[in-house]
Every structure is written in C-alpha cells, then in structure tokens.
Amino acid sequence: MQTLGQYPHIRMRRMRRDAFSRDLMREHVLTPADFIYPVFVLDGKNRSEEVKSMPGVQRKTLDKVLAEAEQCMKLGIPAIALFPVIDAPLKSLDAREAYNPDGLVPRVVAGLKKRFPEL
C-alpha cells in the first residue's frame, strides 16, 4: 500500500475496516451509567409546574420525583442532580435556607435515599 501525501491530508483508516478492530481501538464508550438526570424540585405534595424558560421541563414535588427516579433506575441512570425552587420568603443574602437540615433539598435527598439507596 502506497501512501501519497502527508497527514492531515491523508488519514489512515485500515484499522477501522472491521467492527472487531473498531471496538478494540475506540476511545470512548457512553452508557446510561455515565448520565446524570436533572430534576427540578419544588415544595409541597402532588404538584408540578412548567419551567417557562425550558419547554417540556417540569418542576415536581417529591412524590412525583420518586416516580421519575424509579424510571431512571430502570434505565440504568445512577445519579440525579437536584435543582430546587426555594420560596421567595426563605431566600436571604447569606443563603441560610441552603444550610437548613429540614429544607427542601435534604428532605428530597432523604426521600430518594430511603426508596433508592443505590441512587
């Protein structure tokens, strides 16, 4: 096999001919285990509301988030990122609510861990 030209004008492809060779040399594999599912949570029970800036995305209460977490587990997604909606009266310049052990995020995490300890 004669090669005319030099890299980057010529790119050798002989190792990509067979699926077996490609599988041996691939650099990246993406599986559901690599995903983190974003969840937007709000306080209360049996509520959901649209996120106006993100069509098709909803904020949900813990009881509804549990159903989503169950679906994630079935799909092999091992992690959830929580994005809480904190009520305006609880917001402060020093972010005091973020340190509240009875706040929204600690309650949601506890509920998720109780039902899905491996999540």
C-alpha atoms as a PDB file:
ATOM      1  CA  MET A   1       0.000   0.000   0.000  1.00  0.00           C
ATOM      2  CA  GLN A   2       1.496   3.282  -1.054  1.00  0.00           C
ATOM      3  CA  THR A   3       0.564   6.460   0.755  1.00  0.00           C
ATOM      4  CA  LEU A   4       0.546   9.675  -1.204  1.00  0.00           C
ATOM      5  CA  GLY A   5       0.549  12.883   0.755  1.00  0.00           C
ATOM      6  CA  GLN A   6       1.052  13.518   4.408  1.00  0.00           C
ATOM      7  CA  TYR A   7      -1.136  13.900   7.448  1.00  0.00           C
ATOM      8  CA  PRO A   8      -3.551  15.697   7.819  1.00  0.00           C
ATOM      9  CA  HIS A   9      -4.344  15.396   4.122  1.00  0.00           C
ATOM     10  CA  ILE A  10      -4.190  11.587   4.287  1.00  0.00           C
ATOM     11  CA  ARG A  11      -5.723   9.779   7.255  1.00  0.00           C
ATOM     12  CA  MET A  12      -5.067   6.071   7.615  1.00  0.00           C
ATOM     13  CA  ARG A  13      -8.282   4.060   8.012  1.00  0.00           C
ATOM     14  CA  ARG A  14      -7.147   0.430   7.753  1.00  0.00           C
ATOM     15  CA  MET A  15      -7.877  -0.274  11.437  1.00  0.00           C
ATOM     16  CA  ARG A  16     -11.492   0.821  11.054  1.00  0.00           C
ATOM     17  CA  ARG A  17     -12.489  -1.709   8.425  1.00  0.00           C
ATOM     18  CA  ASP A  18     -13.821  -4.408  10.811  1.00  0.00           C
ATOM     19  CA  ALA A  19     -16.207  -3.917  13.719  1.00  0.00           C
ATOM     20  CA  PHE A  20     -13.957  -6.004  15.953  1.00  0.00           C
ATOM     21  CA  SER A  21     -10.958  -3.734  15.289  1.00  0.00           C
ATOM     22  CA  ARG A  22     -13.032  -0.614  15.793  1.00  0.00           C
ATOM     23  CA  ASP A  23     -14.281  -1.922  19.154  1.00  0.00           C
ATOM     24  CA  LEU A  24     -10.727  -2.642  20.298  1.00  0.00           C
ATOM     25  CA  MET A  25      -9.491   0.829  19.421  1.00  0.00           C
ATOM     26  CA  ARG A  26     -12.384   3.044  20.331  1.00  0.00           C
ATOM     27  CA  GLU A  27     -11.526   5.693  22.845  1.00  0.00           C
ATOM     28  CA  HIS A  28     -14.929   6.450  24.288  1.00  0.00           C
ATOM     29  CA  VAL A  29     -17.954   4.441  25.306  1.00  0.00           C
ATOM     30  CA  LEU A  30     -21.089   6.174  26.524  1.00  0.00           C
ATOM     31  CA  THR A  31     -23.637   4.199  28.540  1.00  0.00           C
ATOM     32  CA  PRO A  32     -26.594   5.155  30.768  1.00  0.00           C
ATOM     33  CA  ALA A  33     -24.238   4.675  33.739  1.00  0.00           C
ATOM     34  CA  ASP A  34     -22.452   7.857  32.573  1.00  0.00           C
ATOM     35  CA  PHE A  35     -25.583  10.016  32.753  1.00  0.00           C
ATOM     36  CA  ILE A  36     -26.798  12.349  35.485  1.00  0.00           C
ATOM     37  CA  TYR A  37     -30.502  13.134  35.229  1.00  0.00           C
ATOM     38  CA  PRO A  38     -31.518  16.720  36.109  1.00  0.00           C
ATOM     39  CA  VAL A  39     -34.590  17.042  38.332  1.00  0.00           C
ATOM     40  CA  PHE A  40     -36.267  20.316  39.251  1.00  0.00           C
ATOM     41  CA  VAL A  41     -37.959  20.025  42.632  1.00  0.00           C
ATOM     42  CA  LEU A  42     -40.438  22.187  44.478  1.00  0.00           C
ATOM     43  CA  ASP A  43     -42.013  22.032  47.907  1.00  0.00           C
ATOM     44  CA  GLY A  44     -45.427  20.544  48.566  1.00  0.00           C
ATOM     45  CA  LYS A  45     -47.300  17.422  47.545  1.00  0.00           C
ATOM     46  CA  ASN A  46     -48.729  16.170  44.278  1.00  0.00           C
ATOM     47  CA  ARG A  47     -47.717  19.306  42.366  1.00  0.00           C
ATOM     48  CA  SER A  48     -45.918  20.003  39.137  1.00  0.00           C
ATOM     49  CA  GLU A  49     -45.417  23.192  37.170  1.00  0.00           C
ATOM     50  CA  GLU A  50     -43.853  24.019  33.851  1.00  0.00           C
ATOM     51  CA  VAL A  51     -40.458  25.708  33.699  1.00  0.00           C
ATOM     52  CA  LYS A  52     -41.305  28.532  31.303  1.00  0.00           C
ATOM     53  CA  SER A  53     -37.736  29.011  30.104  1.00  0.00           C
ATOM     54  CA  MET A  54     -37.372  25.274  29.278  1.00  0.00           C
ATOM     55  CA  PRO A  55     -40.309  23.893  27.267  1.00  0.00           C
ATOM     56  CA  GLY A  56     -41.166  20.314  28.194  1.00  0.00           C
ATOM     57  CA  VAL A  57     -39.435  20.510  31.585  1.00  0.00           C
ATOM     58  CA  GLN A  58     -41.396  20.483  34.842  1.00  0.00           C
ATOM     59  CA  ARG A  59     -40.691  21.175  38.486  1.00  0.00           C
ATOM     60  CA  LYS A  60     -42.118  18.411  40.650  1.00  0.00           C
ATOM     61  CA  THR A  61     -42.721  17.586  44.280  1.00  0.00           C
ATOM     62  CA  LEU A  62     -41.008  14.644  45.978  1.00  0.00           C
ATOM     63  CA  ASP A  63     -43.898  12.243  45.451  1.00  0.00           C
ATOM     64  CA  LYS A  64     -43.687  12.827  41.688  1.00  0.00           C
ATOM     65  CA  VAL A  65     -39.882  12.838  41.667  1.00  0.00           C
ATOM     66  CA  LEU A  66     -39.897   9.328  43.146  1.00  0.00           C
ATOM     67  CA  ALA A  67     -41.647   8.020  40.026  1.00  0.00           C
ATOM     68  CA  GLU A  68     -39.019   9.709  37.836  1.00  0.00           C
ATOM     69  CA  ALA A  69     -36.227   8.268  39.961  1.00  0.00           C
ATOM     70  CA  GLU A  70     -37.705   4.800  39.551  1.00  0.00           C
ATOM     71  CA  GLN A  71     -37.643   5.251  35.774  1.00  0.00           C
ATOM     72  CA  CYS A  72     -34.004   6.391  35.960  1.00  0.00           C
ATOM     73  CA  MET A  73     -33.078   3.283  37.913  1.00  0.00           C
ATOM     74  CA  LYS A  74     -34.803   1.049  35.352  1.00  0.00           C
ATOM     75  CA  LEU A  75     -32.866   2.763  32.555  1.00  0.00           C
ATOM     76  CA  GLY A  76     -29.540   2.370  34.392  1.00  0.00           C
ATOM     77  CA  ILE A  77     -29.036   6.065  35.162  1.00  0.00           C
ATOM     78  CA  PRO A  78     -27.228   6.079  38.532  1.00  0.00           C
ATOM     79  CA  ALA A  79     -27.418   9.733  39.567  1.00  0.00           C
ATOM     80  CA  ILE A  80     -29.818  12.642  39.813  1.00  0.00           C
ATOM     81  CA  ALA A  81     -28.894  16.329  40.046  1.00  0.00           C
ATOM     82  CA  LEU A  82     -31.412  18.293  42.095  1.00  0.00           C
ATOM     83  CA  PHE A  83     -32.333  21.845  41.212  1.00  0.00           C
ATOM     84  CA  PRO A  84     -34.600  23.174  43.962  1.00  0.00           C
ATOM     85  CA  VAL A  85     -37.067  26.020  43.776  1.00  0.00           C
ATOM     86  CA  ILE A  86     -36.830  27.875  47.058  1.00  0.00           C
ATOM     87  CA  ASP A  87     -39.817  30.000  48.064  1.00  0.00           C
ATOM     88  CA  ALA A  88     -39.054  33.741  47.958  1.00  0.00           C
ATOM     89  CA  PRO A  89     -39.614  34.350  51.716  1.00  0.00           C
ATOM     90  CA  LEU A  90     -36.950  31.736  52.528  1.00  0.00           C
ATOM     91  CA  LYS A  91     -34.290  33.353  50.342  1.00  0.00           C
ATOM     92  CA  SER A  92     -31.655  35.513  52.022  1.00  0.00           C
ATOM     93  CA  LEU A  93     -28.359  37.133  51.103  1.00  0.00           C
ATOM     94  CA  ASP A  94     -26.453  34.601  53.219  1.00  0.00           C
ATOM     95  CA  ALA A  95     -28.328  31.613  51.688  1.00  0.00           C
ATOM     96  CA  ARG A  96     -29.473  30.493  55.133  1.00  0.00           C
ATOM     97  CA  GLU A  97     -32.009  28.044  53.671  1.00  0.00           C
ATOM     98  CA  ALA A  98     -29.184  26.087  51.979  1.00  0.00           C
ATOM     99  CA  TYR A  99     -27.956  25.117  55.450  1.00  0.00           C
ATOM    100  CA  ASN A 100     -31.384  24.228  56.837  1.00  0.00           C
ATOM    101  CA  PRO A 101     -31.347  20.498  57.741  1.00  0.00           C
ATOM    102  CA  ASP A 102     -35.140  20.444  57.318  1.00  0.00           C
ATOM    103  CA  GLY A 103     -35.042  22.293  53.985  1.00  0.00           C
ATOM    104  CA  LEU A 104     -36.304  21.134  50.629  1.00  0.00           C
ATOM    105  CA  VAL A 105     -33.100  19.511  49.339  1.00  0.00           C
ATOM    106  CA  PRO A 106     -32.337  17.461  52.490  1.00  0.00           C
ATOM    107  CA  ARG A 107     -35.944  16.202  52.550  1.00  0.00           C
ATOM    108  CA  VAL A 108     -35.855  15.241  48.872  1.00  0.00           C
ATOM    109  CA  VAL A 109     -32.467  13.526  49.238  1.00  0.00           C
ATOM    110  CA  ALA A 110     -33.702  11.608  52.295  1.00  0.00           C
ATOM    111  CA  GLY A 111     -36.852  10.513  50.457  1.00  0.00           C
ATOM    112  CA  LEU A 112     -34.878   9.374  47.421  1.00  0.00           C
ATOM    113  CA  LYS A 113     -32.267   7.536  49.507  1.00  0.00           C
ATOM    114  CA  LYS A 114     -34.945   5.789  51.543  1.00  0.00           C
ATOM    115  CA  ARG A 115     -36.591   4.371  48.413  1.00  0.00           C
ATOM    116  CA  PHE A 116     -33.488   4.043  46.198  1.00  0.00           C
ATOM    117  CA  PRO A 117     -30.385   3.666  48.401  1.00  0.00           C
ATOM    118  CA  GLU A 118     -28.179   2.903  45.385  1.00  0.00           C
ATOM    119  CA  LEU A 119     -29.140   6.172  43.641  1.00  0.00           C
END
